[in-house]
Protein backbone atom coordinates (compact mmCIF):
# COMPACT_ATOMS: atom_id res chain seq x y z
CA MET A 1 55.42 -9.58 -27.60
CA ALA A 2 52.56 -7.58 -26.45
CA CYS A 3 50.85 -8.66 -29.74
CA ASP A 4 51.22 -12.10 -28.93
CA LEU A 5 49.56 -11.71 -25.44
CA LEU A 6 46.67 -10.22 -27.10
CA ASN A 7 46.47 -13.07 -29.79
CA ASP A 8 46.60 -15.50 -26.96
CA ILE A 9 43.40 -17.34 -26.78
CA SER A 10 43.59 -18.30 -22.96
CA TYR A 11 44.05 -14.48 -22.37
CA GLN A 12 41.32 -13.45 -24.34
CA LYS A 13 39.12 -16.07 -22.46
CA ALA A 14 40.31 -14.59 -19.35
CA ILE A 15 39.31 -11.02 -20.49
CA ILE A 16 35.72 -12.43 -21.38
CA ALA A 17 35.34 -14.17 -18.15
CA LEU A 18 36.22 -11.09 -16.12
CA VAL A 19 33.72 -8.90 -18.16
CA GLY A 20 31.07 -11.60 -17.86
CA THR A 21 31.75 -11.72 -14.10
CA LEU A 22 31.50 -8.12 -13.57
CA PHE A 23 28.28 -7.81 -15.89
CA GLY A 24 26.66 -10.82 -13.90
CA GLY A 25 27.55 -9.20 -10.57
CA PHE A 26 25.79 -5.74 -11.58
CA ILE A 27 22.89 -7.59 -12.75
CA SER A 28 22.74 -9.52 -9.47
CA TYR A 29 23.33 -6.52 -7.33
CA PHE A 30 20.32 -4.53 -9.05
CA VAL A 31 17.84 -7.47 -8.94
CA GLY A 32 18.62 -8.08 -5.18
CA VAL A 33 18.18 -4.31 -4.24
CA GLY A 34 14.87 -4.51 -6.44
CA LEU A 35 13.67 -7.46 -4.58
CA TYR A 36 14.58 -5.97 -1.04
CA VAL A 37 12.54 -2.78 -1.91
CA LYS A 38 9.70 -4.96 -2.98
CA LYS A 39 9.66 -7.01 0.15
CA GLY A 40 9.83 -3.99 2.10
CA PHE A 41 6.54 -2.61 0.37
CA TYR A 42 4.88 -6.01 0.60
CA ASP A 43 5.89 -5.96 4.38
CA HIS A 44 4.26 -2.69 5.02
CA ALA A 45 1.26 -3.51 2.82
CA ILE A 46 0.66 -6.40 5.02
CA LYS A 47 0.77 -4.35 8.14
CA PHE A 48 -1.59 -1.87 6.52
CA LYS A 49 -4.33 -4.37 5.55
CA ARG A 50 -4.27 -5.89 8.82
CA ALA A 51 -5.26 -2.53 10.46
CA PHE A 52 -8.58 -2.34 8.56
CA ILE A 53 -9.36 -6.06 7.73
CA ASP A 54 -11.15 -6.76 11.06
CA GLU A 55 -13.44 -3.93 10.82
CA LEU A 56 -14.19 -4.31 7.07
CA TYR A 57 -15.05 -8.01 7.80
CA ALA A 58 -17.20 -7.26 10.76
CA ILE A 59 -19.22 -4.62 8.84
CA GLU A 60 -19.41 -6.44 5.49
CA ARG A 61 -19.67 -10.11 6.27
CA GLU A 62 -21.13 -10.12 9.71
CA GLY A 63 -23.43 -7.07 9.44
CA GLY A 64 -21.98 -5.25 12.24
CA ASN A 65 -23.05 -1.81 13.26
CA PRO A 66 -20.28 0.58 11.89
CA SER A 67 -21.15 3.04 14.54
CA LYS A 68 -20.03 0.61 17.24
CA ILE A 69 -17.01 -0.80 15.25
CA LEU A 70 -15.36 2.30 13.57
CA PRO A 71 -14.96 4.86 16.20
CA LYS A 72 -12.93 2.50 18.32
CA ALA A 73 -10.64 1.67 15.23
CA MET A 74 -10.02 5.23 13.99
CA LYS A 75 -6.73 5.88 16.01
CA ARG A 76 -5.32 2.81 14.54
CA HIS A 77 -6.47 3.50 11.09
CA ASP A 78 -5.05 6.78 11.03
CA LEU A 79 -1.57 5.44 12.25
CA ALA A 80 -1.81 2.82 9.70
CA VAL A 81 -2.33 5.30 6.85
CA PHE A 82 0.47 7.65 8.33
CA GLU A 83 2.87 4.88 8.35
CA PHE A 84 1.94 3.25 4.80
CA ILE A 85 1.88 6.47 3.16
CA ARG A 86 5.71 6.89 3.35
CA VAL A 87 6.48 3.72 1.19
CA LEU A 88 4.37 4.89 -1.62
CA SER A 89 5.15 6.72 -4.79
CA ARG A 90 4.35 10.34 -5.01
CA ARG A 91 1.34 9.54 -7.19
CA LYS A 92 0.03 7.02 -5.17
CA ARG A 93 0.70 9.03 -1.94
CA LYS A 94 -1.68 11.72 -3.27
CA ALA A 95 -4.49 9.16 -4.34
CA LEU A 96 -4.40 7.43 -0.88
CA SER A 97 -4.46 10.85 0.79
CA ARG A 98 -7.60 11.76 -1.25
CA ALA A 99 -9.23 8.50 -0.52
CA TRP A 100 -8.48 9.02 3.04
CA ASP A 101 -9.67 12.29 3.28
CA GLU A 102 -12.91 11.42 1.30
CA TYR A 103 -13.48 8.59 3.89
CA ARG A 104 -12.53 10.72 7.17
CA ASN A 105 -14.25 13.99 5.93
CA PRO A 106 -17.32 12.87 3.82
CA LYS A 107 -18.75 16.29 3.43
CA LYS A 108 -16.61 19.13 2.43
CA GLN A 109 -18.94 21.87 3.50
CA GLY A 110 -17.78 22.44 6.81
CA LYS A 111 -16.40 20.00 9.26
CA VAL A 112 -18.98 17.26 9.70
CA ASP A 113 -18.08 14.71 12.30
CA LEU A 114 -17.45 11.44 10.77
CA THR A 115 -19.75 9.38 13.02
CA HIS A 116 -22.45 11.77 12.55
CA TYR A 117 -22.43 11.56 8.83
CA TYR A 118 -22.13 7.90 8.57
CA PHE A 119 -24.28 6.63 11.38
CA GLU A 120 -27.25 8.91 12.10
CA GLY A 121 -29.35 8.07 9.19
CA GLU A 122 -33.05 8.56 9.29
CA SER A 123 -34.17 5.21 7.97
CA SER A 124 -32.92 1.87 7.80
CA GLU A 125 -32.65 2.03 4.01
CA GLU A 126 -30.34 5.38 4.25
CA GLN A 127 -28.27 3.49 7.13
CA GLU A 128 -27.76 0.71 4.70
CA ASN A 129 -26.78 2.84 2.12
CA ARG A 130 -24.29 4.52 4.29
CA ARG A 131 -22.91 1.12 5.43
CA LYS A 132 -22.32 0.31 1.83
CA LEU A 133 -20.60 3.56 1.38
CA ILE A 134 -18.14 2.80 4.21
CA ILE A 135 -17.55 -0.65 2.80
CA GLU A 136 -16.86 0.96 -0.64
CA ARG A 137 -14.41 3.64 0.79
CA LEU A 138 -12.52 1.14 3.14
CA SER A 139 -11.86 -1.28 0.16
CA LYS A 140 -10.76 1.62 -1.64
CA ILE A 141 -8.18 2.54 0.99
CA ILE A 142 -7.08 -1.11 1.43
CA SER A 143 -6.65 -1.40 -2.28
CA PHE A 144 -3.52 0.73 -2.18
CA ALA A 145 -1.57 -2.35 -0.51
CA GLU A 146 -2.12 -4.58 -3.60
């Protein structure tokens, strides 16, 4: 009688349907979890970019004076990096830390004040070079959110 049940086509169809449903459920679960994680990253990335974008725009597009723009924004930038670095992989975390340290501490020989290094140029050419350096380094930091 047990052999008759296994040979019954409707029983076989029920087993196939059950296995297919379980398999589909597992796939749906893992895809859903993956999308949730990605959404969390993108939410943090948007917040991170917003912390920097106004200053970058003012310096790069409007020709604003970095010595007046950046000191006011440093605390917000520091907080944004602190929050965003937590959602990155270990490798990207280290890279962002390096990029942030390179921006915050431009000269490794002793502690040089950020504003002194970037904003006290002798000539307008040197100031322009430092402004370009600020834009490059801020752009590099923002690129981690992409």
